[in-house]
C-alpha atoms as a PDB file:
ATOM      1  CA  MET A   1       0.072  -0.047   0.108  1.00  0.00           C
ATOM      2  CA  ALA A   2       0.934   3.770  -1.212  1.00  0.00           C
ATOM      3  CA  THR A   3       0.500   6.735   0.393  1.00  0.00           C
ATOM      4  CA  VAL A   4      -0.634   9.459  -1.711  1.00  0.00           C
ATOM      5  CA  LEU A   5      -0.317  13.472  -0.931  1.00  0.00           C
ATOM      6  CA  PHE A   6      -3.480  15.271  -2.509  1.00  0.00           C
ATOM      7  CA  ILE A   7      -2.123  19.196  -1.783  1.00  0.00           C
ATOM      8  CA  VAL A   8      -5.868  21.184  -1.922  1.00  0.00           C
ATOM      9  CA  SER A   9      -6.506  24.501  -1.956  1.00  0.00           C
ATOM     10  CA  GLY A  10      -8.033  26.555   1.039  1.00  0.00           C
ATOM     11  CA  ALA A  11      -9.344  28.959  -0.940  1.00  0.00           C
ATOM     12  CA  THR A  12     -13.123  29.938  -0.491  1.00  0.00           C
ATOM     13  CA  TYR A  13     -13.377  33.091  -3.061  1.00  0.00           C
ATOM     14  CA  TRP A  14     -11.276  34.438  -5.818  1.00  0.00           C
ATOM     15  CA  VAL A  15     -10.897  38.122  -6.773  1.00  0.00           C
ATOM     16  CA  LEU A  16     -12.174  39.088 -10.452  1.00  0.00           C
ATOM     17  CA  LYS A  17     -10.804  42.518 -11.844  1.00  0.00           C
ATOM     18  CA  ASP A  18     -13.624  44.281 -10.834  1.00  0.00           C
ATOM     19  CA  GLY A  19     -12.973  43.092  -7.398  1.00  0.00           C
ATOM     20  CA  THR A  20     -15.710  40.958  -6.818  1.00  0.00           C
ATOM     21  CA  ARG A  21     -15.616  37.610  -4.351  1.00  0.00           C
ATOM     22  CA  TYR A  22     -16.371  35.227  -6.268  1.00  0.00           C
ATOM     23  CA  ALA A  23     -16.858  31.821  -4.566  1.00  0.00           C
ATOM     24  CA  THR A  24     -14.789  29.075  -5.077  1.00  0.00           C
ATOM     25  CA  GLY A  25     -12.714  26.132  -3.789  1.00  0.00           C
ATOM     26  CA  TYR A  26     -11.547  23.078  -4.911  1.00  0.00           C
ATOM     27  CA  TRP A  27     -13.764  21.454  -7.973  1.00  0.00           C
ATOM     28  CA  ALA A  28     -15.464  18.235  -6.182  1.00  0.00           C
ATOM     29  CA  GLU A  29     -15.231  15.237  -9.193  1.00  0.00           C
ATOM     30  CA  GLU A  30     -11.051  16.463  -9.034  1.00  0.00           C
ATOM     31  CA  PHE A  31     -10.733  15.580  -5.769  1.00  0.00           C
ATOM     32  CA  ALA A  32     -13.709  12.995  -5.261  1.00  0.00           C
ATOM     33  CA  VAL A  33     -13.022  10.516  -8.128  1.00  0.00           C
ATOM     34  CA  PRO A  34      -9.313  10.358  -7.820  1.00  0.00           C
ATOM     35  CA  TYR A  35      -9.448   9.692  -3.925  1.00  0.00           C
ATOM     36  CA  LYS A  36     -12.127   7.064  -4.773  1.00  0.00           C
ATOM     37  CA  LYS A  37      -9.938   5.507  -7.210  1.00  0.00           C
ATOM     38  CA  VAL A  38      -6.904   5.497  -5.078  1.00  0.00           C
ATOM     39  CA  THR A  39      -8.132   4.305  -1.740  1.00  0.00           C
ATOM     40  CA  GLU A  40     -10.492   1.351  -3.310  1.00  0.00           C
ATOM     41  CA  ALA A  41      -7.313   0.126  -4.812  1.00  0.00           C
ATOM     42  CA  GLY A  42      -5.728  -0.155  -0.904  1.00  0.00           C
ATOM     43  CA  HIS A  43      -3.844   3.111  -0.994  1.00  0.00           C
ATOM     44  CA  ALA A  44      -4.249   5.518   1.754  1.00  0.00           C
ATOM     45  CA  VAL A  45      -4.932   9.405   1.057  1.00  0.00           C
ATOM     46  CA  VAL A  46      -3.480  12.800   3.575  1.00  0.00           C
ATOM     47  CA  VAL A  47      -4.414  16.186   2.555  1.00  0.00           C
ATOM     48  CA  ALA A  48      -2.825  19.330   3.102  1.00  0.00           C
ATOM     49  CA  THR A  49      -3.762  23.113   2.892  1.00  0.00           C
ATOM     50  CA  PRO A  50      -2.581  26.242   3.417  1.00  0.00           C
ATOM     51  CA  GLY A  51      -1.923  26.465   6.847  1.00  0.00           C
ATOM     52  CA  GLY A  52      -4.429  23.010   7.008  1.00  0.00           C
ATOM     53  CA  VAL A  53      -7.751  24.866   6.831  1.00  0.00           C
ATOM     54  CA  VAL A  54     -10.467  22.636   5.836  1.00  0.00           C
ATOM     55  CA  PRO A  55     -10.770  23.285   2.247  1.00  0.00           C
ATOM     56  CA  ASN A  56     -14.046  24.203   0.531  1.00  0.00           C
ATOM     57  CA  VAL A  57     -15.851  22.428  -2.117  1.00  0.00           C
ATOM     58  CA  ASP A  58     -17.241  24.530  -5.068  1.00  0.00           C
ATOM     59  CA  MET A  59     -20.623  24.199  -4.928  1.00  0.00           C
ATOM     60  CA  MET A  60     -21.019  24.631  -8.694  1.00  0.00           C
ATOM     61  CA  SER A  61     -18.992  21.578  -9.010  1.00  0.00           C
ATOM     62  CA  LEU A  62     -21.825  20.177  -6.928  1.00  0.00           C
ATOM     63  CA  ARG A  63     -24.693  21.066  -9.368  1.00  0.00           C
ATOM     64  CA  PRO A  64     -26.397  18.273 -11.432  1.00  0.00           C
ATOM     65  CA  SER A  65     -25.443  20.393 -15.087  1.00  0.00           C
ATOM     66  CA  MET A  66     -21.364  20.258 -13.882  1.00  0.00           C
ATOM     67  CA  ALA A  67     -21.851  16.619 -12.174  1.00  0.00           C
ATOM     68  CA  GLY A  68     -23.521  14.754 -14.871  1.00  0.00           C
ATOM     69  CA  GLY A  69     -26.942  14.443 -13.918  1.00  0.00           C
ATOM     70  CA  GLU A  70     -28.420  14.298 -10.577  1.00  0.00           C
ATOM     71  CA  ASP A  71     -26.723  10.976  -9.352  1.00  0.00           C
ATOM     72  CA  GLY A  72     -23.622  12.201 -10.643  1.00  0.00           C
ATOM     73  CA  ALA A  73     -24.071  15.022  -8.083  1.00  0.00           C
ATOM     74  CA  LEU A  74     -25.033  12.575  -5.448  1.00  0.00           C
ATOM     75  CA  GLU A  75     -22.118  10.324  -5.336  1.00  0.00           C
ATOM     76  CA  LEU A  76     -19.746  13.063  -5.869  1.00  0.00           C
ATOM     77  CA  GLU A  77     -21.375  14.574  -2.251  1.00  0.00           C
ATOM     78  CA  ALA A  78     -20.990  11.223  -0.798  1.00  0.00           C
ATOM     79  CA  ILE A  79     -17.331  10.573  -1.664  1.00  0.00           C
ATOM     80  CA  ILE A  80     -16.569  13.902  -0.081  1.00  0.00           C
ATOM     81  CA  ARG A  81     -18.790  13.588   2.810  1.00  0.00           C
ATOM     82  CA  SER A  82     -17.188  10.005   3.294  1.00  0.00           C
ATOM     83  CA  ALA A  83     -13.483  11.558   3.107  1.00  0.00           C
ATOM     84  CA  GLU A  84     -12.232  12.198   6.776  1.00  0.00           C
ATOM     85  CA  VAL A  85      -9.202  13.075   5.817  1.00  0.00           C
ATOM     86  CA  MET A  86     -10.591  16.468   4.396  1.00  0.00           C
ATOM     87  CA  ARG A  87     -11.834  17.516   7.676  1.00  0.00           C
ATOM     88  CA  ARG A  88      -8.553  17.042   9.034  1.00  0.00           C
ATOM     89  CA  PRO A  89      -5.861  18.487   6.693  1.00  0.00           C
ATOM     90  CA  LEU A  90      -1.468  18.880   7.186  1.00  0.00           C
ATOM     91  CA  ALA A  91      -0.392  22.110   7.177  1.00  0.00           C
ATOM     92  CA  LEU A  92       1.805  22.182   3.973  1.00  0.00           C
ATOM     93  CA  SER A  93       4.044  23.638   6.269  1.00  0.00           C
ATOM     94  CA  ASP A  94       4.360  20.399   7.948  1.00  0.00           C
ATOM     95  CA  VAL A  95       4.649  18.400   4.652  1.00  0.00           C
ATOM     96  CA  ARG A  96       7.532  15.607   4.680  1.00  0.00           C
ATOM     97  CA  LEU A  97       7.798  14.730   1.190  1.00  0.00           C
ATOM     98  CA  GLU A  98       9.633  11.440   1.610  1.00  0.00           C
ATOM     99  CA  ASP A  99       6.491  10.027   3.519  1.00  0.00           C
ATOM    100  CA  TYR A 100       4.503   9.857  -0.056  1.00  0.00           C
ATOM    101  CA  ALA A 101       4.272   7.795  -2.732  1.00  0.00           C
ATOM    102  CA  ALA A 102       3.357  10.915  -5.050  1.00  0.00           C
ATOM    103  CA  VAL A 103       1.481  13.943  -4.663  1.00  0.00           C
ATOM    104  CA  TYR A 104      -1.642  14.908  -6.469  1.00  0.00           C
ATOM    105  CA  LEU A 105      -2.984  18.478  -6.854  1.00  0.00           C
ATOM    106  CA  PRO A 106      -7.086  18.954  -7.850  1.00  0.00           C
ATOM    107  CA  GLY A 107      -8.228  21.948  -9.076  1.00  0.00           C
ATOM    108  CA  GLY A 108     -10.893  24.288  -9.394  1.00  0.00           C
ATOM    109  CA  HIS A 109     -10.689  27.743  -8.930  1.00  0.00           C
ATOM    110  CA  GLY A 110      -9.178  27.703  -5.539  1.00  0.00           C
ATOM    111  CA  PRO A 111      -5.748  27.315  -6.339  1.00  0.00           C
ATOM    112  CA  MET A 112      -5.868  30.885  -8.563  1.00  0.00           C
ATOM    113  CA  ALA A 113      -5.969  32.292  -5.361  1.00  0.00           C
ATOM    114  CA  ASP A 114      -3.897  30.542  -3.169  1.00  0.00           C
ATOM    115  CA  LEU A 115      -1.669  27.677  -4.598  1.00  0.00           C
ATOM    116  CA  ALA A 116      -0.354  30.102  -7.227  1.00  0.00           C
ATOM    117  CA  TRP A 117       0.974  32.072  -4.728  1.00  0.00           C
ATOM    118  CA  ASP A 118       2.126  29.539  -1.808  1.00  0.00           C
ATOM    119  CA  ALA A 119       5.878  29.717  -0.579  1.00  0.00           C
ATOM    120  CA  ASP A 120       5.045  25.881   0.848  1.00  0.00           C
ATOM    121  CA  VAL A 121       3.888  24.792  -2.481  1.00  0.00           C
ATOM    122  CA  GLY A 122       6.608  26.249  -4.290  1.00  0.00           C
ATOM    123  CA  ARG A 123       9.237  24.415  -2.025  1.00  0.00           C
ATOM    124  CA  LEU A 124       7.037  20.842  -2.102  1.00  0.00           C
ATOM    125  CA  LEU A 125       6.613  21.217  -6.313  1.00  0.00           C
ATOM    126  CA  THR A 126      10.409  22.060  -6.999  1.00  0.00           C
ATOM    127  CA  ALA A 127      11.280  19.544  -4.363  1.00  0.00           C
ATOM    128  CA  GLN A 128       9.014  16.447  -5.896  1.00  0.00           C
ATOM    129  CA  LEU A 129       9.962  17.346  -9.357  1.00  0.00           C
ATOM    130  CA  ALA A 130      13.798  16.785  -8.944  1.00  0.00           C
ATOM    131  CA  SER A 131      13.199  13.919  -6.655  1.00  0.00           C
ATOM    132  CA  GLY A 132      11.808  12.112  -9.734  1.00  0.00           C
ATOM    133  CA  LYS A 133       8.581  10.845  -7.598  1.00  0.00           C
ATOM    134  CA  PRO A 134       5.131  11.069  -9.322  1.00  0.00           C
ATOM    135  CA  LEU A 135       3.760  14.800  -9.389  1.00  0.00           C
ATOM    136  CA  PHE A 136       0.008  14.831 -11.079  1.00  0.00           C
ATOM    137  CA  ILE A 137      -1.974  17.866 -11.429  1.00  0.00           C
ATOM    138  CA  VAL A 138      -5.161  18.954 -13.229  1.00  0.00           C
ATOM    139  CA  CYS A 139      -7.085  21.645 -14.502  1.00  0.00           C
ATOM    140  CA  HIS A 140      -6.859  24.789 -12.822  1.00  0.00           C
ATOM    141  CA  ALA A 141      -3.912  23.135 -10.291  1.00  0.00           C
ATOM    142  CA  PRO A 142      -1.070  24.243 -12.617  1.00  0.00           C
ATOM    143  CA  ALA A 143      -1.332  27.610 -11.263  1.00  0.00           C
ATOM    144  CA  SER A 144       0.821  26.584  -8.168  1.00  0.00           C
ATOM    145  CA  MET A 145       4.051  26.378 -10.388  1.00  0.00           C
ATOM    146  CA  LEU A 146       4.020  29.922 -10.646  1.00  0.00           C
ATOM    147  CA  ALA A 147       4.615  29.243  -6.715  1.00  0.00           C
ATOM    148  CA  THR A 148       8.216  27.688  -8.031  1.00  0.00           C
ATOM    149  CA  ARG A 149       9.744  31.144  -9.652  1.00  0.00           C
ATOM    150  CA  ILE A 150      12.930  32.157  -8.128  1.00  0.00           C
ATOM    151  CA  HIS A 151      13.966  35.146  -9.854  1.00  0.00           C
ATOM    152  CA  GLY A 152      11.598  34.654 -12.593  1.00  0.00           C
ATOM    153  CA  GLU A 153      12.792  30.496 -13.213  1.00  0.00           C
ATOM    154  CA  SER A 154      10.668  27.910 -12.326  1.00  0.00           C
ATOM    155  CA  PRO A 155      11.725  24.470 -12.574  1.00  0.00           C
ATOM    156  CA  PHE A 156       9.069  23.436 -14.996  1.00  0.00           C
ATOM    157  CA  LYS A 157      10.193  25.797 -17.752  1.00  0.00           C
ATOM    158  CA  GLY A 158      10.306  23.714 -20.830  1.00  0.00           C
ATOM    159  CA  TYR A 159       8.220  20.743 -19.809  1.00  0.00           C
ATOM    160  CA  ARG A 160       5.398  19.185 -21.522  1.00  0.00           C
ATOM    161  CA  VAL A 161       2.175  20.363 -19.356  1.00  0.00           C
ATOM    162  CA  THR A 162      -1.442  20.719 -20.095  1.00  0.00           C
ATOM    163  CA  GLY A 163      -4.351  22.904 -17.907  1.00  0.00           C
ATOM    164  CA  PHE A 164      -7.595  24.393 -18.076  1.00  0.00           C
ATOM    165  CA  THR A 165      -7.636  26.622 -21.731  1.00  0.00           C
ATOM    166  CA  ASN A 166      -8.462  30.070 -21.842  1.00  0.00           C
ATOM    167  CA  GLU A 167     -11.405  28.874 -24.637  1.00  0.00           C
ATOM    168  CA  GLU A 168     -12.824  26.961 -21.625  1.00  0.00           C
ATOM    169  CA  GLU A 169     -12.534  29.596 -19.226  1.00  0.00           C
ATOM    170  CA  GLU A 170     -14.150  31.575 -21.940  1.00  0.00           C
ATOM    171  CA  GLY A 171     -16.719  28.588 -22.127  1.00  0.00           C
ATOM    172  CA  VAL A 172     -17.544  29.519 -17.926  1.00  0.00           C
ATOM    173  CA  GLY A 173     -17.592  33.147 -18.644  1.00  0.00           C
ATOM    174  CA  LEU A 174     -14.629  34.001 -16.415  1.00  0.00           C
ATOM    175  CA  ALA A 175     -12.275  34.619 -19.211  1.00  0.00           C
ATOM    176  CA  PRO A 176     -13.019  38.671 -19.359  1.00  0.00           C
ATOM    177  CA  ARG A 177     -13.448  38.606 -15.504  1.00  0.00           C
ATOM    178  CA  ALA A 178      -9.975  37.260 -14.426  1.00  0.00           C
ATOM    179  CA  THR A 179      -7.166  38.894 -13.508  1.00  0.00           C
ATOM    180  CA  TRP A 180      -5.187  36.538 -15.072  1.00  0.00           C
ATOM    181  CA  LEU A 181      -5.712  32.820 -17.168  1.00  0.00           C
ATOM    182  CA  LEU A 182      -4.115  30.363 -16.695  1.00  0.00           C
ATOM    183  CA  GLU A 183      -2.943  28.976 -19.979  1.00  0.00           C
ATOM    184  CA  THR A 184      -1.518  32.287 -20.789  1.00  0.00           C
ATOM    185  CA  ALA A 185       0.537  32.321 -17.410  1.00  0.00           C
ATOM    186  CA  LEU A 186       1.689  28.846 -18.260  1.00  0.00           C
ATOM    187  CA  LYS A 187       3.202  29.892 -21.100  1.00  0.00           C
ATOM    188  CA  GLU A 188       4.158  33.428 -20.620  1.00  0.00           C
ATOM    189  CA  GLN A 189       5.643  32.812 -16.931  1.00  0.00           C
ATOM    190  CA  ILE A 190       6.984  29.516 -16.777  1.00  0.00           C
ATOM    191  CA  GLY A 191       7.917  28.622 -20.294  1.00  0.00           C
ATOM    192  CA  VAL A 192       6.101  25.463 -20.584  1.00  0.00           C
ATOM    193  CA  GLU A 193       5.814  23.529 -23.747  1.00  0.00           C
ATOM    194  CA  TYR A 194       2.044  23.670 -23.924  1.00  0.00           C
ATOM    195  CA  SER A 195      -0.350  21.656 -25.175  1.00  0.00           C
ATOM    196  CA  ARG A 196      -4.479  20.587 -25.154  1.00  0.00           C
ATOM    197  CA  GLY A 197      -6.678  18.253 -26.418  1.00  0.00           C
ATOM    198  CA  PRO A 198     -10.723  19.362 -27.447  1.00  0.00           C
ATOM    199  CA  ILE A 199     -12.521  21.986 -24.917  1.00  0.00           C
ATOM    200  CA  TRP A 200     -14.327  19.381 -21.908  1.00  0.00           C
ATOM    201  CA  GLU A 201     -12.766  16.377 -22.777  1.00  0.00           C
ATOM    202  CA  PRO A 202     -10.309  13.959 -21.201  1.00  0.00           C
ATOM    203  CA  TYR A 203      -6.767  14.925 -22.507  1.00  0.00           C
ATOM    204  CA  MET A 204      -3.729  13.821 -20.013  1.00  0.00           C
ATOM    205  CA  VAL A 205       0.073  14.887 -20.799  1.00  0.00           C
ATOM    206  CA  GLU A 206       3.422  12.918 -19.565  1.00  0.00           C
ATOM    207  CA  ASP A 207       6.634  14.304 -19.477  1.00  0.00           C
ATOM    208  CA  ARG A 208       9.064  12.468 -17.062  1.00  0.00           C
ATOM    209  CA  ASN A 209       7.383  12.296 -13.908  1.00  0.00           C
ATOM    210  CA  LEU A 210       5.311  15.187 -14.314  1.00  0.00           C
ATOM    211  CA  VAL A 211       1.544  14.150 -15.077  1.00  0.00           C
ATOM    212  CA  THR A 212      -0.762  17.254 -15.624  1.00  0.00           C
ATOM    213  CA  GLY A 213      -4.483  16.908 -16.742  1.00  0.00           C
ATOM    214  CA  GLN A 214      -6.579  19.919 -18.684  1.00  0.00           C
ATOM    215  CA  ASN A 215      -9.761  19.744 -16.979  1.00  0.00           C
ATOM    216  CA  PRO A 216     -12.311  17.961 -14.443  1.00  0.00           C
ATOM    217  CA  HIS A 217     -12.936  15.103 -16.951  1.00  0.00           C
ATOM    218  CA  SER A 218      -9.318  14.223 -17.031  1.00  0.00           C
ATOM    219  CA  ALA A 219      -8.876  13.717 -13.164  1.00  0.00           C
ATOM    220  CA  GLY A 220     -10.438   9.751 -13.673  1.00  0.00           C
ATOM    221  CA  VAL A 221      -7.734   9.459 -16.316  1.00  0.00           C
ATOM    222  CA  LEU A 222      -4.974  10.865 -14.675  1.00  0.00           C
ATOM    223  CA  ALA A 223      -5.853   8.390 -11.180  1.00  0.00           C
ATOM    224  CA  ASP A 224      -5.547   5.401 -13.639  1.00  0.00           C
ATOM    225  CA  ARG A 225      -2.228   6.863 -14.627  1.00  0.00           C
ATOM    226  CA  LEU A 226      -1.495   7.410 -11.034  1.00  0.00           C
ATOM    227  CA  LEU A 227      -2.689   3.638 -10.421  1.00  0.00           C
ATOM    228  CA  GLU A 228      -0.147   2.043 -12.891  1.00  0.00           C
ATOM    229  CA  VAL A 229       2.621   3.998 -11.626  1.00  0.00           C
ATOM    230  CA  LEU A 230       2.328   3.195  -8.262  1.00  0.00           C
ATOM    231  CA  GLU A 231       2.338  -0.254  -9.149  1.00  0.00           C
ATOM    232  CA  ARG A 232       5.571  -0.190 -10.798  1.00  0.00           C
END
């Protein structure tokens, strides 16, 4: 049995261009689907957040229209409710990476508000990338790569990466209201080799020990790949 560290946003809102506080958090599918797959395979999950705050689910991600229908929404809710680890997270500052076989970051707009600027996240991602151990990041969570920059340089520069596209951000109506866009930031501020698939379709990119997914529906694909890697 392996133990996987889930680094989860602790944000409850994201400030938009006009100063509006947009309610957010982590995206249900991106936590619940990998959590269920990993734990049902017999592995353990530990959750860590900035300051050890209890993570907040983005309520929009539990709407039936966003969760594949009423049954899908109820299933996600049930998984989250059963996940005791979400109610007693570690503080990121207390994390020892040597205790974990892999690291996974779910998205939602939350990481745009906190993980992107968190020094502990920057330190942990830099160390995990250098260790060669699995690092899996989905949707908006590649925003955390911004926290790895020192004097403008990130260790993720030149890596092949995907993440939530500008087109998908336009699709949810936030592109014109956001202070920054993930796809643009990854290309211009990190210098990754960015690629993408069709909007809202699962799309995964693997480069050395880094595996990234484009959107919420990519979380299940990443979880399946993570299980394959853990069984090596």
